Amino acid sequence: MTITAERKTQVISEYRRDEKDSGSPEIQIAVLTERINNLTGHMRSHKHDYHSRRGLLQMVSTRNSLLKYLARTNREAYQTLIGRLGLRK
């Protein structure tokens, strides 16, 4: 259900703006998307895991808020990020 430290480091290195960046909205959205994808797979096989469902919905809501912020502040970065992540917006 959780992502490994190596995978998180890999995602951060793929989506960071510069060498020292570790917390930009792009990175936060990418890490949340990775976690959401992993938890979605878990939910497919464990349909009655309502506690994990609640956590999944919270992560989706947080990602949505970050996406709205990024779209409002930097439209070009928003467009490229949703294209790279394969999100529908």
PDB file of N, CA and C in Angstrom:
ATOM      1  N   MET A   1       0.807  -1.193   0.000  1.00  0.00           N
ATOM      2  CA  MET A   1       0.000   0.000   0.000  1.00  0.00           C
ATOM      3  C   MET A   1       0.853   1.262   0.000  1.00  0.00           C
ATOM      4  N   THR A   2       1.970   1.250   0.693  1.00  0.00           N
ATOM      5  CA  THR A   2       2.833   2.421   0.694  1.00  0.00           C
ATOM      6  C   THR A   2       3.907   2.257  -0.375  1.00  0.00           C
ATOM      7  N   ILE A   3       4.507   3.366  -0.738  1.00  0.00           N
ATOM      8  CA  ILE A   3       5.590   3.290  -1.717  1.00  0.00           C
ATOM      9  C   ILE A   3       6.912   3.184  -0.966  1.00  0.00           C
ATOM     10  N   THR A   4       7.867   2.539  -1.580  1.00  0.00           N
ATOM     11  CA  THR A   4       9.165   2.362  -0.941  1.00  0.00           C
ATOM     12  C   THR A   4       9.953   3.657  -0.993  1.00  0.00           C
ATOM     13  N   ALA A   5      10.947   3.746  -0.156  1.00  0.00           N
ATOM     14  CA  ALA A   5      11.785   4.945  -0.101  1.00  0.00           C
ATOM     15  C   ALA A   5      12.518   5.140  -1.432  1.00  0.00           C
ATOM     16  N   GLU A   6      12.932   4.043  -2.058  1.00  0.00           N
ATOM     17  CA  GLU A   6      13.632   4.150  -3.335  1.00  0.00           C
ATOM     18  C   GLU A   6      12.710   4.702  -4.416  1.00  0.00           C
ATOM     19  N   ARG A   7      11.461   4.217  -4.428  1.00  0.00           N
ATOM     20  CA  ARG A   7      10.503   4.687  -5.435  1.00  0.00           C
ATOM     21  C   ARG A   7      10.152   6.156  -5.210  1.00  0.00           C
ATOM     22  N   LYS A   8      10.029   6.554  -3.942  1.00  0.00           N
ATOM     23  CA  LYS A   8       9.729   7.957  -3.641  1.00  0.00           C
ATOM     24  C   LYS A   8      10.883   8.855  -4.076  1.00  0.00           C
ATOM     25  N   THR A   9      12.108   8.429  -3.833  1.00  0.00           N
ATOM     26  CA  THR A   9      13.277   9.189  -4.265  1.00  0.00           C
ATOM     27  C   THR A   9      13.320   9.290  -5.779  1.00  0.00           C
ATOM     28  N   GLN A  10      12.960   8.222  -6.453  1.00  0.00           N
ATOM     29  CA  GLN A  10      12.927   8.220  -7.912  1.00  0.00           C
ATOM     30  C   GLN A  10      11.874   9.198  -8.433  1.00  0.00           C
ATOM     31  N   VAL A  11      10.701   9.199  -7.843  1.00  0.00           N
ATOM     32  CA  VAL A  11       9.633  10.115  -8.263  1.00  0.00           C
ATOM     33  C   VAL A  11      10.052  11.558  -8.016  1.00  0.00           C
ATOM     34  N   ILE A  12      10.672  11.819  -6.868  1.00  0.00           N
ATOM     35  CA  ILE A  12      11.127  13.177  -6.562  1.00  0.00           C
ATOM     36  C   ILE A  12      12.160  13.634  -7.578  1.00  0.00           C
ATOM     37  N   SER A  13      13.093  12.761  -7.937  1.00  0.00           N
ATOM     38  CA  SER A  13      14.123  13.158  -8.906  1.00  0.00           C
ATOM     39  C   SER A  13      13.544  13.381 -10.299  1.00  0.00           C
ATOM     40  N   GLU A  14      12.447  12.700 -10.637  1.00  0.00           N
ATOM     41  CA  GLU A  14      11.823  12.890 -11.947  1.00  0.00           C
ATOM     42  C   GLU A  14      11.086  14.213 -12.057  1.00  0.00           C
ATOM     43  N   TYR A  15      10.465  14.666 -10.980  1.00  0.00           N
ATOM     44  CA  TYR A  15       9.559  15.803 -11.061  1.00  0.00           C
ATOM     45  C   TYR A  15      10.069  17.085 -10.404  1.00  0.00           C
ATOM     46  N   ARG A  16      11.298  17.094  -9.889  1.00  0.00           N
ATOM     47  CA  ARG A  16      11.752  18.308  -9.214  1.00  0.00           C
ATOM     48  C   ARG A  16      12.158  19.392 -10.203  1.00  0.00           C
ATOM     49  N   ARG A  17      12.058  20.623  -9.725  1.00  0.00           N
ATOM     50  CA  ARG A  17      12.363  21.784 -10.565  1.00  0.00           C
ATOM     51  C   ARG A  17      13.864  22.010 -10.704  1.00  0.00           C
ATOM     52  N   ASP A  18      14.589  21.879  -9.600  1.00  0.00           N
ATOM     53  CA  ASP A  18      16.037  22.042  -9.631  1.00  0.00           C
ATOM     54  C   ASP A  18      16.670  21.030  -8.681  1.00  0.00           C
ATOM     55  N   GLU A  19      17.958  21.146  -8.477  1.00  0.00           N
ATOM     56  CA  GLU A  19      18.710  20.153  -7.716  1.00  0.00           C
ATOM     57  C   GLU A  19      18.266  20.043  -6.260  1.00  0.00           C
ATOM     58  N   LYS A  20      17.897  21.164  -5.625  1.00  0.00           N
ATOM     59  CA  LYS A  20      17.563  21.149  -4.204  1.00  0.00           C
ATOM     60  C   LYS A  20      16.069  21.058  -3.940  1.00  0.00           C
ATOM     61  N   ASP A  21      15.255  20.973  -4.966  1.00  0.00           N
ATOM     62  CA  ASP A  21      13.805  20.963  -4.794  1.00  0.00           C
ATOM     63  C   ASP A  21      13.335  19.619  -4.250  1.00  0.00           C
ATOM     64  N   SER A  22      12.547  19.682  -3.168  1.00  0.00           N
ATOM     65  CA  SER A  22      12.011  18.442  -2.621  1.00  0.00           C
ATOM     66  C   SER A  22      10.564  18.575  -2.167  1.00  0.00           C
ATOM     67  N   GLY A  23       9.964  19.750  -2.303  1.00  0.00           N
ATOM     68  CA  GLY A  23       8.616  19.919  -1.796  1.00  0.00           C
ATOM     69  C   GLY A  23       7.721  20.783  -2.644  1.00  0.00           C
ATOM     70  N   SER A  24       8.064  20.984  -3.903  1.00  0.00           N
ATOM     71  CA  SER A  24       7.231  21.806  -4.768  1.00  0.00           C
ATOM     72  C   SER A  24       5.890  21.104  -5.016  1.00  0.00           C
ATOM     73  N   PRO A  25       4.874  21.837  -5.443  1.00  0.00           N
ATOM     74  CA  PRO A  25       3.584  21.204  -5.703  1.00  0.00           C
ATOM     75  C   PRO A  25       3.665  20.067  -6.719  1.00  0.00           C
ATOM     76  N   GLU A  26       4.545  20.205  -7.705  1.00  0.00           N
ATOM     77  CA  GLU A  26       4.692  19.149  -8.699  1.00  0.00           C
ATOM     78  C   GLU A  26       5.119  17.833  -8.052  1.00  0.00           C
ATOM     79  N   ILE A  27       6.073  17.920  -7.137  1.00  0.00           N
ATOM     80  CA  ILE A  27       6.568  16.723  -6.457  1.00  0.00           C
ATOM     81  C   ILE A  27       5.486  16.148  -5.549  1.00  0.00           C
ATOM     82  N   GLN A  28       4.805  17.017  -4.810  1.00  0.00           N
ATOM     83  CA  GLN A  28       3.759  16.539  -3.909  1.00  0.00           C
ATOM     84  C   GLN A  28       2.656  15.831  -4.685  1.00  0.00           C
ATOM     85  N   ILE A  29       2.278  16.389  -5.822  1.00  0.00           N
ATOM     86  CA  ILE A  29       1.232  15.783  -6.645  1.00  0.00           C
ATOM     87  C   ILE A  29       1.704  14.441  -7.205  1.00  0.00           C
ATOM     88  N   ALA A  30       2.958  14.390  -7.665  1.00  0.00           N
ATOM     89  CA  ALA A  30       3.484  13.149  -8.238  1.00  0.00           C
ATOM     90  C   ALA A  30       3.568  12.042  -7.186  1.00  0.00           C
ATOM     91  N   VAL A  31       4.015  12.365  -5.986  1.00  0.00           N
ATOM     92  CA  VAL A  31       4.112  11.361  -4.920  1.00  0.00           C
ATOM     93  C   VAL A  31       2.717  10.902  -4.508  1.00  0.00           C
ATOM     94  N   LEU A  32       1.781  11.840  -4.384  1.00  0.00           N
ATOM     95  CA  LEU A  32       0.407  11.462  -4.052  1.00  0.00           C
ATOM     96  C   LEU A  32      -0.196  10.571  -5.133  1.00  0.00           C
ATOM     97  N   THR A  33       0.078  10.873  -6.392  1.00  0.00           N
ATOM     98  CA  THR A  33      -0.443  10.053  -7.482  1.00  0.00           C
ATOM     99  C   THR A  33       0.110   8.640  -7.407  1.00  0.00           C
ATOM    100  N   GLU A  34       1.368   8.512  -7.080  1.00  0.00           N
ATOM    101  CA  GLU A  34       1.982   7.184  -6.927  1.00  0.00           C
ATOM    102  C   GLU A  34       1.313   6.413  -5.791  1.00  0.00           C
ATOM    103  N   ARG A  35       1.093   7.079  -4.666  1.00  0.00           N
ATOM    104  CA  ARG A  35       0.430   6.444  -3.530  1.00  0.00           C
ATOM    105  C   ARG A  35      -1.011   6.073  -3.867  1.00  0.00           C
ATOM    106  N   ILE A  36      -1.709   6.963  -4.573  1.00  0.00           N
ATOM    107  CA  ILE A  36      -3.099   6.703  -4.958  1.00  0.00           C
ATOM    108  C   ILE A  36      -3.175   5.493  -5.879  1.00  0.00           C
ATOM    109  N   ASN A  37      -2.263   5.406  -6.825  1.00  0.00           N
ATOM    110  CA  ASN A  37      -2.261   4.265  -7.748  1.00  0.00           C
ATOM    111  C   ASN A  37      -2.018   2.954  -7.004  1.00  0.00           C
ATOM    112  N   ASN A  38      -1.092   2.961  -6.039  1.00  0.00           N
ATOM    113  CA  ASN A  38      -0.830   1.749  -5.264  1.00  0.00           C
ATOM    114  C   ASN A  38      -2.033   1.369  -4.415  1.00  0.00           C
ATOM    115  N   LEU A  39      -2.650   2.345  -3.785  1.00  0.00           N
ATOM    116  CA  LEU A  39      -3.788   2.060  -2.921  1.00  0.00           C
ATOM    117  C   LEU A  39      -5.016   1.656  -3.727  1.00  0.00           C
ATOM    118  N   THR A  40      -5.140   2.148  -4.943  1.00  0.00           N
ATOM    119  CA  THR A  40      -6.247   1.740  -5.806  1.00  0.00           C
ATOM    120  C   THR A  40      -6.151   0.252  -6.131  1.00  0.00           C
ATOM    121  N   GLY A  41      -4.947  -0.221  -6.383  1.00  0.00           N
ATOM    122  CA  GLY A  41      -4.751  -1.645  -6.616  1.00  0.00           C
ATOM    123  C   GLY A  41      -5.113  -2.473  -5.388  1.00  0.00           C
ATOM    124  N   HIS A  42      -4.772  -1.979  -4.218  1.00  0.00           N
ATOM    125  CA  HIS A  42      -5.134  -2.665  -2.976  1.00  0.00           C
ATOM    126  C   HIS A  42      -6.652  -2.715  -2.813  1.00  0.00           C
ATOM    127  N   MET A  43      -7.316  -1.623  -3.146  1.00  0.00           N
ATOM    128  CA  MET A  43      -8.768  -1.549  -2.974  1.00  0.00           C
ATOM    129  C   MET A  43      -9.505  -2.475  -3.941  1.00  0.00           C
ATOM    130  N   ARG A  44      -8.897  -2.747  -5.078  1.00  0.00           N
ATOM    131  CA  ARG A  44      -9.534  -3.679  -6.027  1.00  0.00           C
ATOM    132  C   ARG A  44      -9.631  -5.091  -5.451  1.00  0.00           C
ATOM    133  N   SER A  45      -8.647  -5.482  -4.677  1.00  0.00           N
ATOM    134  CA  SER A  45      -8.670  -6.833  -4.124  1.00  0.00           C
ATOM    135  C   SER A  45      -9.267  -6.889  -2.719  1.00  0.00           C
ATOM    136  N   HIS A  46      -9.372  -5.762  -2.036  1.00  0.00           N
ATOM    137  CA  HIS A  46      -9.942  -5.709  -0.689  1.00  0.00           C
ATOM    138  C   HIS A  46     -11.083  -4.695  -0.680  1.00  0.00           C
ATOM    139  N   LYS A  47     -12.206  -5.092  -1.210  1.00  0.00           N
ATOM    140  CA  LYS A  47     -13.334  -4.182  -1.419  1.00  0.00           C
ATOM    141  C   LYS A  47     -13.938  -3.638  -0.122  1.00  0.00           C
ATOM    142  N   HIS A  48     -13.827  -4.360   0.968  1.00  0.00           N
ATOM    143  CA  HIS A  48     -14.460  -3.956   2.219  1.00  0.00           C
ATOM    144  C   HIS A  48     -13.491  -3.298   3.200  1.00  0.00           C
ATOM    145  N   ASP A  49     -12.351  -2.848   2.730  1.00  0.00           N
ATOM    146  CA  ASP A  49     -11.372  -2.161   3.570  1.00  0.00           C
ATOM    147  C   ASP A  49     -11.742  -0.677   3.616  1.00  0.00           C
ATOM    148  N   TYR A  50     -12.657  -0.348   4.508  1.00  0.00           N
ATOM    149  CA  TYR A  50     -13.201   1.002   4.538  1.00  0.00           C
ATOM    150  C   TYR A  50     -12.230   2.021   5.124  1.00  0.00           C
ATOM    151  N   HIS A  51     -11.343   1.591   5.981  1.00  0.00           N
ATOM    152  CA  HIS A  51     -10.356   2.506   6.549  1.00  0.00           C
ATOM    153  C   HIS A  51      -9.375   2.973   5.478  1.00  0.00           C
ATOM    154  N   SER A  52      -8.938   2.056   4.647  1.00  0.00           N
ATOM    155  CA  SER A  52      -8.047   2.434   3.549  1.00  0.00           C
ATOM    156  C   SER A  52      -8.779   3.283   2.519  1.00  0.00           C
ATOM    157  N   ARG A  53     -10.069   3.024   2.350  1.00  0.00           N
ATOM    158  CA  ARG A  53     -10.876   3.826   1.425  1.00  0.00           C
ATOM    159  C   ARG A  53     -10.928   5.275   1.871  1.00  0.00           C
ATOM    160  N   ARG A  54     -11.073   5.483   3.166  1.00  0.00           N
ATOM    161  CA  ARG A  54     -11.103   6.838   3.694  1.00  0.00           C
ATOM    162  C   ARG A  54      -9.773   7.546   3.442  1.00  0.00           C
ATOM    163  N   GLY A  55      -8.670   6.837   3.673  1.00  0.00           N
ATOM    164  CA  GLY A  55      -7.357   7.415   3.409  1.00  0.00           C
ATOM    165  C   GLY A  55      -7.172   7.731   1.938  1.00  0.00           C
ATOM    166  N   LEU A  56      -7.668   6.850   1.077  1.00  0.00           N
ATOM    167  CA  LEU A  56      -7.586   7.079  -0.368  1.00  0.00           C
ATOM    168  C   LEU A  56      -8.354   8.340  -0.756  1.00  0.00           C
ATOM    169  N   LEU A  57      -9.556   8.486  -0.218  1.00  0.00           N
ATOM    170  CA  LEU A  57     -10.347   9.678  -0.534  1.00  0.00           C
ATOM    171  C   LEU A  57      -9.679  10.950  -0.029  1.00  0.00           C
ATOM    172  N   GLN A  58      -9.014  10.887   1.120  1.00  0.00           N
ATOM    173  CA  GLN A  58      -8.283  12.048   1.628  1.00  0.00           C
ATOM    174  C   GLN A  58      -7.115  12.404   0.714  1.00  0.00           C
ATOM    175  N   MET A  59      -6.411  11.387   0.234  1.00  0.00           N
ATOM    176  CA  MET A  59      -5.289  11.656  -0.671  1.00  0.00           C
ATOM    177  C   MET A  59      -5.765  12.257  -1.984  1.00  0.00           C
ATOM    178  N   VAL A  60      -6.881  11.766  -2.513  1.00  0.00           N
ATOM    179  CA  VAL A  60      -7.431  12.307  -3.752  1.00  0.00           C
ATOM    180  C   VAL A  60      -7.838  13.760  -3.547  1.00  0.00           C
ATOM    181  N   SER A  61      -8.434  14.062  -2.412  1.00  0.00           N
ATOM    182  CA  SER A  61      -8.846  15.430  -2.115  1.00  0.00           C
ATOM    183  C   SER A  61      -7.641  16.361  -1.981  1.00  0.00           C
ATOM    184  N   THR A  62      -6.604  15.897  -1.314  1.00  0.00           N
ATOM    185  CA  THR A  62      -5.386  16.697  -1.169  1.00  0.00           C
ATOM    186  C   THR A  62      -4.740  16.948  -2.528  1.00  0.00           C
ATOM    187  N   ARG A  63      -4.683  15.905  -3.355  1.00  0.00           N
ATOM    188  CA  ARG A  63      -4.112  16.065  -4.694  1.00  0.00           C
ATOM    189  C   ARG A  63      -4.928  17.055  -5.518  1.00  0.00           C
ATOM    190  N   ASN A  64      -6.250  16.984  -5.395  1.00  0.00           N
ATOM    191  CA  ASN A  64      -7.110  17.904  -6.121  1.00  0.00           C
ATOM    192  C   ASN A  64      -6.859  19.349  -5.690  1.00  0.00           C
ATOM    193  N   SER A  65      -6.685  19.572  -4.397  1.00  0.00           N
ATOM    194  CA  SER A  65      -6.391  20.918  -3.894  1.00  0.00           C
ATOM    195  C   SER A  65      -5.058  21.418  -4.437  1.00  0.00           C
ATOM    196  N   LEU A  66      -4.051  20.553  -4.440  1.00  0.00           N
ATOM    197  CA  LEU A  66      -2.742  20.945  -4.967  1.00  0.00           C
ATOM    198  C   LEU A  66      -2.812  21.226  -6.468  1.00  0.00           C
ATOM    199  N   LEU A  67      -3.602  20.440  -7.187  1.00  0.00           N
ATOM    200  CA  LEU A  67      -3.761  20.673  -8.629  1.00  0.00           C
ATOM    201  C   LEU A  67      -4.446  22.019  -8.889  1.00  0.00           C
ATOM    202  N   LYS A  68      -5.444  22.342  -8.093  1.00  0.00           N
ATOM    203  CA  LYS A  68      -6.114  23.635  -8.248  1.00  0.00           C
ATOM    204  C   LYS A  68      -5.143  24.783  -7.976  1.00  0.00           C
ATOM    205  N   TYR A  69      -4.319  24.632  -6.943  1.00  0.00           N
ATOM    206  CA  TYR A  69      -3.323  25.652  -6.625  1.00  0.00           C
ATOM    207  C   TYR A  69      -2.337  25.819  -7.775  1.00  0.00           C
ATOM    208  N   LEU A  70      -1.840  24.716  -8.299  1.00  0.00           N
ATOM    209  CA  LEU A  70      -0.862  24.779  -9.385  1.00  0.00           C
ATOM    210  C   LEU A  70      -1.482  25.380 -10.638  1.00  0.00           C
ATOM    211  N   ALA A  71      -2.730  25.047 -10.930  1.00  0.00           N
ATOM    212  CA  ALA A  71      -3.406  25.606 -12.102  1.00  0.00           C
ATOM    213  C   ALA A  71      -3.596  27.106 -11.948  1.00  0.00           C
ATOM    214  N   ARG A  72      -3.820  27.543 -10.726  1.00  0.00           N
ATOM    215  CA  ARG A  72      -4.039  28.966 -10.466  1.00  0.00           C
ATOM    216  C   ARG A  72      -2.733  29.766 -10.522  1.00  0.00           C
ATOM    217  N   THR A  73      -1.630  29.176 -10.077  1.00  0.00           N
ATOM    218  CA  THR A  73      -0.382  29.917  -9.978  1.00  0.00           C
ATOM    219  C   THR A  73       0.537  29.750 -11.187  1.00  0.00           C
ATOM    220  N   ASN A  74       0.579  28.550 -11.774  1.00  0.00           N
ATOM    221  CA  ASN A  74       1.498  28.288 -12.876  1.00  0.00           C
ATOM    222  C   ASN A  74       0.814  27.346 -13.867  1.00  0.00           C
ATOM    223  N   ARG A  75       0.089  27.927 -14.812  1.00  0.00           N
ATOM    224  CA  ARG A  75      -0.737  27.143 -15.733  1.00  0.00           C
ATOM    225  C   ARG A  75       0.095  26.214 -16.622  1.00  0.00           C
ATOM    226  N   GLU A  76       1.267  26.659 -17.062  1.00  0.00           N
ATOM    227  CA  GLU A  76       2.101  25.831 -17.937  1.00  0.00           C
ATOM    228  C   GLU A  76       2.605  24.591 -17.203  1.00  0.00           C
ATOM    229  N   ALA A  77       3.059  24.775 -15.964  1.00  0.00           N
ATOM    230  CA  ALA A  77       3.537  23.638 -15.179  1.00  0.00           C
ATOM    231  C   ALA A  77       2.388  22.664 -14.912  1.00  0.00           C
ATOM    232  N   TYR A  78       1.204  23.196 -14.690  1.00  0.00           N
ATOM    233  CA  TYR A  78       0.015  22.369 -14.478  1.00  0.00           C
ATOM    234  C   TYR A  78      -0.276  21.510 -15.706  1.00  0.00           C
ATOM    235  N   GLN A  79      -0.250  22.121 -16.880  1.00  0.00           N
ATOM    236  CA  GLN A  79      -0.548  21.386 -18.116  1.00  0.00           C
ATOM    237  C   GLN A  79       0.485  20.283 -18.374  1.00  0.00           C
ATOM    238  N   THR A  80       1.752  20.597 -18.184  1.00  0.00           N
ATOM    239  CA  THR A  80       2.780  19.579 -18.416  1.00  0.00           C
ATOM    240  C   THR A  80       2.697  18.456 -17.385  1.00  0.00           C
ATOM    241  N   LEU A  81       2.393  18.800 -16.134  1.00  0.00           N
ATOM    242  CA  LEU A  81       2.326  17.791 -15.085  1.00  0.00           C
ATOM    243  C   LEU A  81       1.175  16.819 -15.316  1.00  0.00           C
ATOM    244  N   ILE A  82       0.002  17.317 -15.642  1.00  0.00           N
ATOM    245  CA  ILE A  82      -1.119  16.398 -15.847  1.00  0.00           C
ATOM    246  C   ILE A  82      -0.905  15.544 -17.098  1.00  0.00           C
ATOM    247  N   GLY A  83      -0.165  16.087 -18.060  1.00  0.00           N
ATOM    248  CA  GLY A  83       0.179  15.281 -19.231  1.00  0.00           C
ATOM    249  C   GLY A  83       1.151  14.168 -18.881  1.00  0.00           C
ATOM    250  N   ARG A  84       2.149  14.475 -18.056  1.00  0.00           N
ATOM    251  CA  ARG A  84       3.141  13.467 -17.657  1.00  0.00           C
ATOM    252  C   ARG A  84       2.543  12.395 -16.757  1.00  0.00           C
ATOM    253  N   LEU A  85       1.607  12.807 -15.881  1.00  0.00           N
ATOM    254  CA  LEU A  85       1.009  11.858 -14.951  1.00  0.00           C
ATOM    255  C   LEU A  85      -0.156  11.095 -15.548  1.00  0.00           C
ATOM    256  N   GLY A  86      -0.689  11.594 -16.658  1.00  0.00           N
ATOM    257  CA  GLY A  86      -1.822  10.930 -17.286  1.00  0.00           C
ATOM    258  C   GLY A  86      -3.143  11.202 -16.589  1.00  0.00           C
ATOM    259  N   LEU A  87      -3.248  12.354 -15.957  1.00  0.00           N
ATOM    260  CA  LEU A  87      -4.500  12.724 -15.299  1.00  0.00           C
ATOM    261  C   LEU A  87      -5.443  13.347 -16.314  1.00  0.00           C
ATOM    262  N   ARG A  88      -6.718  13.286 -16.072  1.00  0.00           N
ATOM    263  CA  ARG A  88      -7.707  13.663 -17.068  1.00  0.00           C
ATOM    264  C   ARG A  88      -8.006  15.141 -17.154  1.00  0.00           C
ATOM    265  N   LYS A  89      -7.615  15.923 -16.187  1.00  0.00           N
ATOM    266  CA  LYS A  89      -8.040  17.316 -16.155  1.00  0.00           C
ATOM    267  C   LYS A  89      -7.523  18.123 -17.313  1.00  0.00           C
TER     268      LYS A  89
END
